[in-house]
Amino acid sequence: MKHTRLDELSDGIFAIVMTLLVFELRVPSFFADPTNQELWYEITKLLPSFLSYVLSFALLFTYWRAHHFFISIYAKNIDSRLANINALFFMFISLVPFSTSLLGNFNQNQLAISIFSVHTILIGLTLYWMRKYVLYSDNIKNPEISAREIHWSTIRTLVPVVFGLIAIPLSFISPGLSLTLLTLAVIFNLTSWSTRLIEKIFK
């Protein structure tokens, strides 16, 4: 399989899924023209859905970026097994609008948070499997990659998984803290200073 086929499929799926997220942000409807206060009240009711949209959009961006590195930069060829791992990854990615909608509508519900966390874990583990296969399979050719780069790509891939595992039991105690933990996982992968901070701490 050529890289371009998989790249185009990846970009298409991520573009569609990221666009579908915004459909949950519906403009409030009224029988008559609302006052400013009425409109503002209805807008504030959308805040949980908006926050879950931002969280999921940022999460999808980090997954798209990681997938680009593993498939377009690290892997120099694609075999059938790697293509199948990608299919599983894309299947989980396509379900993000559902778990996002669930979280947006029931953001203080323990089960909704757990489902979103499990979904995050499944995506992260599939991405880790893909990364491991690309780097260590005899069937996949890849360039020379430094030990440091491999180390930090492992951490960035598994941080959402670890935080998701912690978020599930934490949601029984505090849904707010659980959501904060999931948000921190996204922030960690979005920023470059997070890596430098951990290096300074454990240096």
N, C-alpha and C. Protein backbone atom coordinates (compact mmCIF):
# COMPACT_ATOMS: atom_id res chain seq x y z
N MET A 1 0.84 -1.20 0.00
CA MET A 1 0.00 0.00 0.00
C MET A 1 0.87 1.25 0.00
N LYS A 2 0.48 2.25 -0.78
CA LYS A 2 1.22 3.50 -0.83
C LYS A 2 0.85 4.40 0.35
N HIS A 3 1.84 5.18 0.79
CA HIS A 3 1.61 6.10 1.89
C HIS A 3 0.47 7.07 1.59
N THR A 4 0.40 7.52 0.35
CA THR A 4 -0.59 8.55 0.00
C THR A 4 -2.01 8.06 0.24
N ARG A 5 -2.27 6.77 -0.01
CA ARG A 5 -3.62 6.23 0.20
C ARG A 5 -4.00 6.31 1.68
N LEU A 6 -3.08 5.90 2.55
CA LEU A 6 -3.36 5.91 3.98
C LEU A 6 -3.40 7.33 4.52
N ASP A 7 -2.53 8.20 4.03
CA ASP A 7 -2.53 9.61 4.45
C ASP A 7 -3.84 10.29 4.09
N GLU A 8 -4.31 10.04 2.87
CA GLU A 8 -5.56 10.66 2.43
C GLU A 8 -6.75 10.15 3.25
N LEU A 9 -6.76 8.85 3.53
CA LEU A 9 -7.82 8.28 4.36
C LEU A 9 -7.80 8.88 5.76
N SER A 10 -6.60 8.98 6.33
CA SER A 10 -6.44 9.55 7.66
C SER A 10 -6.93 10.99 7.71
N ASP A 11 -6.46 11.81 6.79
CA ASP A 11 -6.86 13.22 6.77
C ASP A 11 -8.37 13.36 6.58
N GLY A 12 -8.94 12.51 5.73
CA GLY A 12 -10.38 12.58 5.48
C GLY A 12 -11.19 12.21 6.71
N ILE A 13 -10.80 11.13 7.38
CA ILE A 13 -11.52 10.69 8.58
C ILE A 13 -11.42 11.73 9.69
N PHE A 14 -10.21 12.22 9.94
CA PHE A 14 -10.04 13.22 10.99
C PHE A 14 -10.80 14.50 10.67
N ALA A 15 -10.79 14.92 9.42
CA ALA A 15 -11.51 16.14 9.04
C ALA A 15 -13.01 15.99 9.27
N ILE A 16 -13.56 14.85 8.89
CA ILE A 16 -15.00 14.61 9.06
C ILE A 16 -15.36 14.53 10.54
N VAL A 17 -14.59 13.76 11.30
CA VAL A 17 -14.88 13.58 12.72
C VAL A 17 -14.76 14.90 13.47
N MET A 18 -13.73 15.68 13.18
CA MET A 18 -13.55 16.97 13.86
C MET A 18 -14.67 17.95 13.50
N THR A 19 -15.19 17.85 12.28
CA THR A 19 -16.30 18.70 11.87
C THR A 19 -17.60 18.27 12.55
N LEU A 20 -17.81 16.96 12.67
CA LEU A 20 -19.03 16.45 13.30
C LEU A 20 -19.16 16.90 14.76
N LEU A 21 -18.04 17.14 15.42
CA LEU A 21 -18.07 17.55 16.82
C LEU A 21 -18.88 18.82 17.02
N VAL A 22 -18.77 19.75 16.09
CA VAL A 22 -19.41 21.06 16.25
C VAL A 22 -20.93 20.98 16.11
N PHE A 23 -21.44 19.90 15.54
CA PHE A 23 -22.89 19.78 15.35
C PHE A 23 -23.64 19.68 16.67
N GLU A 24 -22.92 19.35 17.75
CA GLU A 24 -23.56 19.29 19.06
C GLU A 24 -23.80 20.68 19.64
N LEU A 25 -23.15 21.69 19.07
CA LEU A 25 -23.33 23.07 19.55
C LEU A 25 -24.47 23.71 18.77
N ARG A 26 -25.68 23.44 19.19
CA ARG A 26 -26.86 23.91 18.47
C ARG A 26 -27.28 25.29 18.97
N VAL A 27 -27.65 26.16 18.05
CA VAL A 27 -28.13 27.49 18.41
C VAL A 27 -29.46 27.35 19.14
N PRO A 28 -29.64 28.03 20.29
CA PRO A 28 -30.91 27.94 21.03
C PRO A 28 -32.09 28.41 20.18
N SER A 29 -33.23 27.77 20.37
CA SER A 29 -34.44 28.16 19.63
C SER A 29 -35.48 28.72 20.60
N PHE A 30 -36.23 29.70 20.12
CA PHE A 30 -37.26 30.36 20.92
C PHE A 30 -38.52 30.53 20.07
N PHE A 31 -39.68 30.55 20.75
CA PHE A 31 -40.93 30.80 20.04
C PHE A 31 -41.05 32.27 19.64
N ALA A 32 -40.43 33.14 20.44
CA ALA A 32 -40.45 34.58 20.15
C ALA A 32 -39.04 35.12 20.34
N ASP A 33 -38.82 36.37 19.92
CA ASP A 33 -37.49 36.96 20.09
C ASP A 33 -37.13 37.00 21.57
N PRO A 34 -35.98 36.43 21.93
CA PRO A 34 -35.60 36.39 23.35
C PRO A 34 -34.99 37.71 23.81
N THR A 35 -35.04 37.93 25.10
CA THR A 35 -34.31 39.04 25.68
C THR A 35 -32.84 38.64 25.78
N ASN A 36 -31.99 39.62 26.05
CA ASN A 36 -30.56 39.32 26.22
C ASN A 36 -30.34 38.32 27.35
N GLN A 37 -31.10 38.48 28.42
CA GLN A 37 -30.96 37.60 29.57
C GLN A 37 -31.37 36.17 29.22
N GLU A 38 -32.47 36.02 28.49
CA GLU A 38 -32.93 34.69 28.09
C GLU A 38 -31.94 34.01 27.15
N LEU A 39 -31.42 34.80 26.20
CA LEU A 39 -30.45 34.24 25.25
C LEU A 39 -29.17 33.83 25.97
N TRP A 40 -28.70 34.69 26.87
CA TRP A 40 -27.48 34.38 27.61
C TRP A 40 -27.64 33.13 28.47
N TYR A 41 -28.82 32.97 29.06
CA TYR A 41 -29.09 31.79 29.88
C TYR A 41 -29.00 30.52 29.05
N GLU A 42 -29.58 30.55 27.86
CA GLU A 42 -29.54 29.38 26.98
C GLU A 42 -28.13 29.10 26.48
N ILE A 43 -27.37 30.16 26.24
CA ILE A 43 -25.98 29.98 25.79
C ILE A 43 -25.13 29.33 26.89
N THR A 44 -25.34 29.77 28.14
CA THR A 44 -24.57 29.19 29.25
C THR A 44 -24.89 27.71 29.44
N LYS A 45 -26.09 27.30 29.06
CA LYS A 45 -26.46 25.88 29.15
C LYS A 45 -25.65 25.04 28.16
N LEU A 46 -25.10 25.70 27.13
CA LEU A 46 -24.28 25.00 26.14
C LEU A 46 -22.83 24.84 26.59
N LEU A 47 -22.46 25.46 27.71
CA LEU A 47 -21.06 25.46 28.15
C LEU A 47 -20.48 24.05 28.30
N PRO A 48 -21.17 23.10 28.95
CA PRO A 48 -20.60 21.74 29.04
C PRO A 48 -20.34 21.12 27.66
N SER A 49 -21.27 21.33 26.73
CA SER A 49 -21.08 20.79 25.38
C SER A 49 -19.91 21.46 24.68
N PHE A 50 -19.76 22.78 24.91
CA PHE A 50 -18.65 23.51 24.28
C PHE A 50 -17.31 23.04 24.84
N LEU A 51 -17.25 22.83 26.16
CA LEU A 51 -16.00 22.39 26.78
C LEU A 51 -15.63 20.98 26.33
N SER A 52 -16.62 20.10 26.21
CA SER A 52 -16.33 18.75 25.72
C SER A 52 -15.91 18.79 24.25
N TYR A 53 -16.45 19.74 23.50
CA TYR A 53 -16.04 19.93 22.10
C TYR A 53 -14.56 20.34 22.03
N VAL A 54 -14.18 21.32 22.84
CA VAL A 54 -12.79 21.79 22.85
C VAL A 54 -11.85 20.66 23.27
N LEU A 55 -12.24 19.92 24.32
CA LEU A 55 -11.41 18.81 24.80
C LEU A 55 -11.21 17.76 23.71
N SER A 56 -12.30 17.37 23.06
CA SER A 56 -12.22 16.32 22.04
C SER A 56 -11.50 16.79 20.78
N PHE A 57 -11.73 18.05 20.40
CA PHE A 57 -11.05 18.59 19.22
C PHE A 57 -9.54 18.60 19.44
N ALA A 58 -9.11 19.06 20.62
CA ALA A 58 -7.68 19.10 20.93
C ALA A 58 -7.11 17.68 21.00
N LEU A 59 -7.89 16.76 21.57
CA LEU A 59 -7.45 15.38 21.66
C LEU A 59 -7.28 14.77 20.28
N LEU A 60 -8.24 15.03 19.39
CA LEU A 60 -8.15 14.53 18.02
C LEU A 60 -6.95 15.10 17.29
N PHE A 61 -6.66 16.38 17.54
CA PHE A 61 -5.50 16.99 16.89
C PHE A 61 -4.21 16.30 17.32
N THR A 62 -4.08 15.99 18.62
CA THR A 62 -2.87 15.30 19.08
C THR A 62 -2.77 13.90 18.49
N TYR A 63 -3.91 13.23 18.32
CA TYR A 63 -3.90 11.90 17.70
C TYR A 63 -3.54 11.99 16.22
N TRP A 64 -4.08 12.98 15.54
CA TRP A 64 -3.76 13.16 14.11
C TRP A 64 -2.27 13.44 13.94
N ARG A 65 -1.74 14.31 14.80
CA ARG A 65 -0.32 14.65 14.71
C ARG A 65 0.56 13.43 14.98
N ALA A 66 0.22 12.65 16.01
CA ALA A 66 1.00 11.44 16.32
C ALA A 66 0.91 10.43 15.19
N HIS A 67 -0.29 10.26 14.64
CA HIS A 67 -0.48 9.33 13.53
C HIS A 67 0.36 9.76 12.33
N HIS A 68 0.42 11.05 12.07
CA HIS A 68 1.22 11.57 10.96
C HIS A 68 2.69 11.22 11.16
N PHE A 69 3.20 11.38 12.37
CA PHE A 69 4.60 11.07 12.64
C PHE A 69 4.86 9.57 12.47
N PHE A 70 4.01 8.74 13.04
CA PHE A 70 4.25 7.30 13.01
C PHE A 70 4.14 6.72 11.61
N ILE A 71 3.17 7.20 10.83
CA ILE A 71 2.90 6.61 9.52
C ILE A 71 3.63 7.32 8.39
N SER A 72 3.65 8.65 8.41
CA SER A 72 4.21 9.40 7.28
C SER A 72 5.70 9.68 7.42
N ILE A 73 6.21 9.70 8.66
CA ILE A 73 7.62 10.04 8.87
C ILE A 73 8.42 8.82 9.31
N TYR A 74 7.93 8.09 10.31
CA TYR A 74 8.68 6.94 10.81
C TYR A 74 8.60 5.74 9.86
N ALA A 75 7.40 5.38 9.43
CA ALA A 75 7.24 4.20 8.57
C ALA A 75 7.57 4.54 7.13
N LYS A 76 8.45 3.78 6.54
CA LYS A 76 8.83 4.00 5.14
C LYS A 76 8.06 3.09 4.18
N ASN A 77 7.32 2.16 4.75
CA ASN A 77 6.46 1.29 3.93
C ASN A 77 5.27 0.85 4.77
N ILE A 78 4.22 0.39 4.12
CA ILE A 78 3.00 -0.05 4.79
C ILE A 78 2.72 -1.49 4.41
N ASP A 79 2.58 -2.37 5.41
CA ASP A 79 2.19 -3.74 5.11
C ASP A 79 0.74 -3.96 5.55
N SER A 80 0.22 -5.16 5.33
CA SER A 80 -1.19 -5.43 5.61
C SER A 80 -1.51 -5.34 7.10
N ARG A 81 -0.59 -5.76 7.95
CA ARG A 81 -0.86 -5.71 9.39
C ARG A 81 -0.93 -4.26 9.88
N LEU A 82 -0.02 -3.44 9.40
CA LEU A 82 -0.05 -2.03 9.78
C LEU A 82 -1.33 -1.36 9.27
N ALA A 83 -1.76 -1.74 8.09
CA ALA A 83 -3.01 -1.20 7.55
C ALA A 83 -4.19 -1.62 8.42
N ASN A 84 -4.17 -2.85 8.92
CA ASN A 84 -5.25 -3.33 9.79
C ASN A 84 -5.26 -2.61 11.13
N ILE A 85 -4.07 -2.34 11.68
CA ILE A 85 -4.00 -1.58 12.93
C ILE A 85 -4.58 -0.18 12.71
N ASN A 86 -4.28 0.40 11.56
CA ASN A 86 -4.83 1.71 11.23
C ASN A 86 -6.35 1.67 11.14
N ALA A 87 -6.89 0.59 10.58
CA ALA A 87 -8.35 0.46 10.46
C ALA A 87 -9.00 0.46 11.84
N LEU A 88 -8.40 -0.26 12.79
CA LEU A 88 -8.91 -0.28 14.16
C LEU A 88 -8.82 1.10 14.79
N PHE A 89 -7.69 1.76 14.57
CA PHE A 89 -7.49 3.12 15.09
C PHE A 89 -8.55 4.07 14.54
N PHE A 90 -8.80 4.02 13.23
CA PHE A 90 -9.79 4.90 12.62
C PHE A 90 -11.21 4.59 13.12
N MET A 91 -11.49 3.32 13.41
CA MET A 91 -12.80 2.96 13.93
C MET A 91 -13.05 3.64 15.28
N PHE A 92 -12.04 3.59 16.15
CA PHE A 92 -12.17 4.25 17.45
C PHE A 92 -12.26 5.77 17.30
N ILE A 93 -11.48 6.32 16.37
CA ILE A 93 -11.52 7.76 16.13
C ILE A 93 -12.92 8.19 15.67
N SER A 94 -13.55 7.38 14.84
CA SER A 94 -14.87 7.72 14.30
C SER A 94 -15.95 7.77 15.38
N LEU A 95 -15.70 7.13 16.52
CA LEU A 95 -16.67 7.12 17.61
C LEU A 95 -16.55 8.32 18.54
N VAL A 96 -15.55 9.17 18.32
CA VAL A 96 -15.33 10.32 19.20
C VAL A 96 -16.54 11.24 19.29
N PRO A 97 -17.25 11.55 18.19
CA PRO A 97 -18.44 12.41 18.33
C PRO A 97 -19.48 11.84 19.30
N PHE A 98 -19.62 10.51 19.36
CA PHE A 98 -20.58 9.91 20.28
C PHE A 98 -20.16 10.12 21.73
N SER A 99 -18.91 9.76 22.07
CA SER A 99 -18.46 9.90 23.45
C SER A 99 -18.40 11.37 23.86
N THR A 100 -18.12 12.24 22.90
CA THR A 100 -18.10 13.69 23.18
C THR A 100 -19.50 14.19 23.49
N SER A 101 -20.48 13.77 22.69
CA SER A 101 -21.87 14.16 22.92
C SER A 101 -22.36 13.66 24.27
N LEU A 102 -21.99 12.44 24.61
CA LEU A 102 -22.38 11.85 25.89
C LEU A 102 -21.80 12.66 27.04
N LEU A 103 -20.52 13.02 26.92
CA LEU A 103 -19.86 13.80 27.96
C LEU A 103 -20.45 15.20 28.05
N GLY A 104 -20.76 15.81 26.91
CA GLY A 104 -21.30 17.16 26.91
C GLY A 104 -22.68 17.25 27.54
N ASN A 105 -23.48 16.22 27.34
CA ASN A 105 -24.85 16.22 27.88
C ASN A 105 -24.94 15.73 29.32
N PHE A 106 -23.95 14.92 29.73
CA PHE A 106 -23.97 14.36 31.09
C PHE A 106 -22.59 14.49 31.72
N ASN A 107 -22.10 15.72 31.79
CA ASN A 107 -20.71 15.94 32.20
C ASN A 107 -20.45 15.67 33.68
N GLN A 108 -21.52 15.55 34.48
CA GLN A 108 -21.34 15.23 35.90
C GLN A 108 -21.73 13.78 36.20
N ASN A 109 -22.00 13.03 35.15
CA ASN A 109 -22.41 11.64 35.31
C ASN A 109 -21.18 10.73 35.29
N GLN A 110 -21.07 9.88 36.30
CA GLN A 110 -19.89 9.03 36.42
C GLN A 110 -19.75 8.08 35.24
N LEU A 111 -20.85 7.51 34.79
CA LEU A 111 -20.79 6.56 33.68
C LEU A 111 -20.36 7.24 32.39
N ALA A 112 -20.87 8.44 32.13
CA ALA A 112 -20.50 9.18 30.92
C ALA A 112 -19.00 9.49 30.91
N ILE A 113 -18.47 9.89 32.07
CA ILE A 113 -17.04 10.18 32.17
C ILE A 113 -16.22 8.91 31.97
N SER A 114 -16.70 7.81 32.54
CA SER A 114 -15.99 6.53 32.40
C SER A 114 -15.97 6.06 30.95
N ILE A 115 -17.10 6.22 30.25
CA ILE A 115 -17.16 5.82 28.84
C ILE A 115 -16.19 6.65 28.02
N PHE A 116 -16.15 7.97 28.26
CA PHE A 116 -15.21 8.84 27.54
C PHE A 116 -13.77 8.44 27.85
N SER A 117 -13.50 8.11 29.12
CA SER A 117 -12.15 7.72 29.53
C SER A 117 -11.74 6.40 28.89
N VAL A 118 -12.65 5.42 28.89
CA VAL A 118 -12.36 4.13 28.26
C VAL A 118 -12.10 4.32 26.77
N HIS A 119 -12.88 5.18 26.14
CA HIS A 119 -12.68 5.48 24.72
C HIS A 119 -11.29 6.07 24.48
N THR A 120 -10.89 7.00 25.34
CA THR A 120 -9.56 7.60 25.24
C THR A 120 -8.47 6.54 25.42
N ILE A 121 -8.68 5.63 26.35
CA ILE A 121 -7.71 4.56 26.60
C ILE A 121 -7.57 3.65 25.38
N LEU A 122 -8.70 3.28 24.78
CA LEU A 122 -8.67 2.39 23.61
C LEU A 122 -7.95 3.03 22.43
N ILE A 123 -8.20 4.32 22.21
CA ILE A 123 -7.51 5.02 21.12
C ILE A 123 -6.01 5.08 21.41
N GLY A 124 -5.66 5.42 22.65
CA GLY A 124 -4.25 5.53 23.02
C GLY A 124 -3.51 4.21 22.91
N LEU A 125 -4.14 3.12 23.34
CA LEU A 125 -3.50 1.81 23.26
C LEU A 125 -3.33 1.36 21.81
N THR A 126 -4.31 1.66 20.98
CA THR A 126 -4.19 1.32 19.56
C THR A 126 -3.07 2.12 18.90
N LEU A 127 -2.97 3.40 19.28
CA LEU A 127 -1.90 4.24 18.75
C LEU A 127 -0.54 3.73 19.21
N TYR A 128 -0.47 3.29 20.47
CA TYR A 128 0.79 2.73 20.99
C TYR A 128 1.16 1.45 20.26
N TRP A 129 0.18 0.61 20.00
CA TRP A 129 0.40 -0.63 19.24
C TRP A 129 0.94 -0.30 17.85
N MET A 130 0.34 0.70 17.21
CA MET A 130 0.78 1.14 15.89
C MET A 130 2.23 1.62 15.95
N ARG A 131 2.53 2.45 16.93
CA ARG A 131 3.87 3.00 17.09
C ARG A 131 4.90 1.89 17.31
N LYS A 132 4.55 0.94 18.19
CA LYS A 132 5.47 -0.15 18.49
C LYS A 132 5.73 -1.01 17.25
N TYR A 133 4.69 -1.25 16.47
CA TYR A 133 4.84 -2.06 15.27
C TYR A 133 5.72 -1.34 14.24
N VAL A 134 5.51 -0.04 14.10
CA VAL A 134 6.30 0.74 13.14
C VAL A 134 7.78 0.73 13.52
N LEU A 135 8.06 0.88 14.81
CA LEU A 135 9.45 1.00 15.26
C LEU A 135 10.18 -0.33 15.34
N TYR A 136 9.48 -1.42 15.66
CA TYR A 136 10.18 -2.66 15.98
C TYR A 136 9.86 -3.84 15.06
N SER A 137 8.93 -3.69 14.15
CA SER A 137 8.63 -4.80 13.25
C SER A 137 9.72 -4.95 12.18
N ASP A 138 10.06 -6.18 11.86
CA ASP A 138 11.04 -6.43 10.81
C ASP A 138 10.49 -6.11 9.43
N ASN A 139 9.17 -6.00 9.33
CA ASN A 139 8.55 -5.76 8.03
C ASN A 139 8.47 -4.28 7.66
N ILE A 140 8.68 -3.41 8.65
CA ILE A 140 8.56 -1.97 8.41
C ILE A 140 9.93 -1.32 8.47
N LYS A 141 10.26 -0.61 7.42
CA LYS A 141 11.52 0.13 7.38
C LYS A 141 11.30 1.51 7.98
N ASN A 142 12.26 1.95 8.79
CA ASN A 142 12.16 3.30 9.36
C ASN A 142 13.54 3.91 9.50
N PRO A 143 13.61 5.23 9.58
CA PRO A 143 14.91 5.90 9.68
C PRO A 143 15.51 5.74 11.06
N GLU A 144 16.73 6.17 11.21
CA GLU A 144 17.38 6.15 12.51
C GLU A 144 16.66 7.13 13.44
N ILE A 145 16.18 6.62 14.56
CA ILE A 145 15.46 7.45 15.52
C ILE A 145 16.21 7.38 16.84
N SER A 146 16.47 8.53 17.43
CA SER A 146 17.25 8.57 18.67
C SER A 146 16.47 7.94 19.82
N ALA A 147 17.22 7.45 20.80
CA ALA A 147 16.60 6.84 21.98
C ALA A 147 15.74 7.86 22.73
N ARG A 148 16.19 9.11 22.74
CA ARG A 148 15.43 10.16 23.42
C ARG A 148 14.09 10.38 22.74
N GLU A 149 14.10 10.40 21.42
CA GLU A 149 12.86 10.61 20.67
C GLU A 149 11.89 9.46 20.89
N ILE A 150 12.41 8.24 20.91
CA ILE A 150 11.56 7.07 21.18
C ILE A 150 10.98 7.14 22.59
N HIS A 151 11.82 7.55 23.54
CA HIS A 151 11.40 7.65 24.93
C HIS A 151 10.25 8.63 25.09
N TRP A 152 10.38 9.81 24.50
CA TRP A 152 9.35 10.83 24.68
C TRP A 152 8.10 10.55 23.84
N SER A 153 8.25 9.88 22.72
CA SER A 153 7.06 9.51 21.96
C SER A 153 6.25 8.46 22.71
N THR A 154 6.95 7.61 23.46
CA THR A 154 6.26 6.62 24.30
C THR A 154 5.47 7.31 25.39
N ILE A 155 6.10 8.27 26.05
CA ILE A 155 5.43 9.00 27.13
C ILE A 155 4.22 9.75 26.61
N ARG A 156 4.38 10.46 25.50
CA ARG A 156 3.27 11.24 24.95
C ARG A 156 2.12 10.34 24.49
N THR A 157 2.43 9.17 24.02
CA THR A 157 1.39 8.25 23.58
C THR A 157 0.62 7.66 24.76
N LEU A 158 1.34 7.40 25.85
CA LEU A 158 0.72 6.70 26.98
C LEU A 158 0.15 7.62 28.05
N VAL A 159 0.50 8.90 28.05
CA VAL A 159 -0.04 9.82 29.06
C VAL A 159 -1.57 9.84 29.07
N PRO A 160 -2.25 9.99 27.90
CA PRO A 160 -3.72 9.96 27.93
C PRO A 160 -4.27 8.63 28.44
N VAL A 161 -3.56 7.54 28.16
CA VAL A 161 -3.99 6.22 28.63
C VAL A 161 -3.92 6.15 30.15
N VAL A 162 -2.79 6.56 30.71
CA VAL A 162 -2.60 6.53 32.17
C VAL A 162 -3.59 7.45 32.86
N PHE A 163 -3.74 8.67 32.33
CA PHE A 163 -4.67 9.63 32.93
C PHE A 163 -6.10 9.13 32.82
N GLY A 164 -6.42 8.46 31.71
CA GLY A 164 -7.76 7.89 31.55
C GLY A 164 -8.02 6.79 32.56
N LEU A 165 -7.02 5.96 32.82
CA LEU A 165 -7.15 4.90 33.82
C LEU A 165 -7.37 5.47 35.22
N ILE A 166 -6.71 6.58 35.52
CA ILE A 166 -6.90 7.23 36.82
C ILE A 166 -8.25 7.93 36.88
N ALA A 167 -8.67 8.50 35.75
CA ALA A 167 -9.92 9.28 35.72
C ALA A 167 -11.15 8.42 36.01
N ILE A 168 -11.11 7.15 35.66
CA ILE A 168 -12.29 6.29 35.86
C ILE A 168 -12.62 6.12 37.35
N PRO A 169 -11.70 5.63 38.20
CA PRO A 169 -12.04 5.54 39.63
C PRO A 169 -12.24 6.91 40.27
N LEU A 170 -11.51 7.92 39.78
CA LEU A 170 -11.65 9.26 40.33
C LEU A 170 -13.04 9.84 40.07
N SER A 171 -13.68 9.42 38.98
CA SER A 171 -15.01 9.94 38.65
C SER A 171 -16.06 9.55 39.68
N PHE A 172 -15.82 8.46 40.43
CA PHE A 172 -16.74 8.07 41.49
C PHE A 172 -16.67 9.06 42.66
N ILE A 173 -15.51 9.67 42.83
CA ILE A 173 -15.31 10.60 43.95
C ILE A 173 -15.60 12.04 43.53
N SER A 174 -15.02 12.45 42.40
CA SER A 174 -15.18 13.82 41.93
C SER A 174 -15.17 13.87 40.40
N PRO A 175 -16.34 14.01 39.78
CA PRO A 175 -16.39 14.13 38.32
C PRO A 175 -15.57 15.31 37.80
N GLY A 176 -15.56 16.41 38.55
CA GLY A 176 -14.82 17.59 38.13
C GLY A 176 -13.33 17.34 38.05
N LEU A 177 -12.78 16.67 39.08
CA LEU A 177 -11.35 16.36 39.08
C LEU A 177 -11.01 15.37 37.97
N SER A 178 -11.92 14.45 37.72
CA SER A 178 -11.70 13.48 36.65
C SER A 178 -11.60 14.16 35.30
N LEU A 179 -12.50 15.12 35.04
CA LEU A 179 -12.46 15.87 33.79
C LEU A 179 -11.22 16.74 33.70
N THR A 180 -10.80 17.29 34.84
CA THR A 180 -9.57 18.09 34.87
C THR A 180 -8.36 17.25 34.49
N LEU A 181 -8.34 16.02 34.98
CA LEU A 181 -7.23 15.12 34.67
C LEU A 181 -7.18 14.80 33.17
N LEU A 182 -8.33 14.56 32.57
CA LEU A 182 -8.38 14.29 31.13
C LEU A 182 -7.93 15.51 30.33
N THR A 183 -8.28 16.69 30.83
CA THR A 183 -7.87 17.93 30.17
C THR A 183 -6.36 18.12 30.26
N LEU A 184 -5.78 17.80 31.42
CA LEU A 184 -4.33 17.93 31.60
C LEU A 184 -3.56 17.00 30.66
N ALA A 185 -4.13 15.84 30.38
CA ALA A 185 -3.48 14.90 29.45
C ALA A 185 -3.38 15.51 28.06
N VAL A 186 -4.43 16.23 27.66
CA VAL A 186 -4.43 16.88 26.35
C VAL A 186 -3.42 18.03 26.33
N ILE A 187 -3.44 18.84 27.39
CA ILE A 187 -2.51 19.97 27.48
C ILE A 187 -1.07 19.48 27.44
N PHE A 188 -0.79 18.37 28.11
CA PHE A 188 0.56 17.80 28.12
C PHE A 188 1.04 17.51 26.71
N ASN A 189 0.16 16.93 25.90
CA ASN A 189 0.56 16.56 24.54
C ASN A 189 0.53 17.71 23.56
N LEU A 190 -0.16 18.78 23.91
CA LEU A 190 -0.22 19.93 23.00
C LEU A 190 0.98 20.85 23.14
N THR A 191 1.60 20.85 24.31
CA THR A 191 2.66 21.82 24.59
C THR A 191 4.04 21.17 24.57
N SER A 192 5.01 21.92 24.09
CA SER A 192 6.39 21.42 24.07
C SER A 192 7.07 21.61 25.42
N TRP A 193 6.60 22.62 26.20
CA TRP A 193 7.25 22.88 27.48
C TRP A 193 7.00 21.77 28.49
N SER A 194 5.95 20.95 28.29
CA SER A 194 5.68 19.86 29.22
C SER A 194 6.83 18.86 29.24
N THR A 195 7.38 18.59 28.06
CA THR A 195 8.52 17.67 27.97
C THR A 195 9.73 18.25 28.68
N ARG A 196 10.01 19.53 28.43
CA ARG A 196 11.17 20.17 29.07
C ARG A 196 11.00 20.22 30.59
N LEU A 197 9.75 20.43 31.05
CA LEU A 197 9.49 20.49 32.48
C LEU A 197 9.79 19.16 33.16
N ILE A 198 9.34 18.07 32.55
CA ILE A 198 9.58 16.75 33.13
C ILE A 198 11.07 16.41 33.10
N GLU A 199 11.76 16.83 32.03
CA GLU A 199 13.20 16.58 31.95
C GLU A 199 13.93 17.30 33.08
N LYS A 200 13.49 18.52 33.41
CA LYS A 200 14.13 19.27 34.49
C LYS A 200 13.85 18.62 35.85
N ILE A 201 12.63 18.11 36.01
CA ILE A 201 12.25 17.51 37.29
C ILE A 201 13.05 16.24 37.56
N PHE A 202 13.22 15.41 36.51
CA PHE A 202 13.87 14.12 36.70
C PHE A 202 15.33 14.11 36.25
N LYS A 203 15.87 15.28 35.98
CA LYS A 203 17.27 15.36 35.54
C LYS A 203 18.21 14.99 36.68
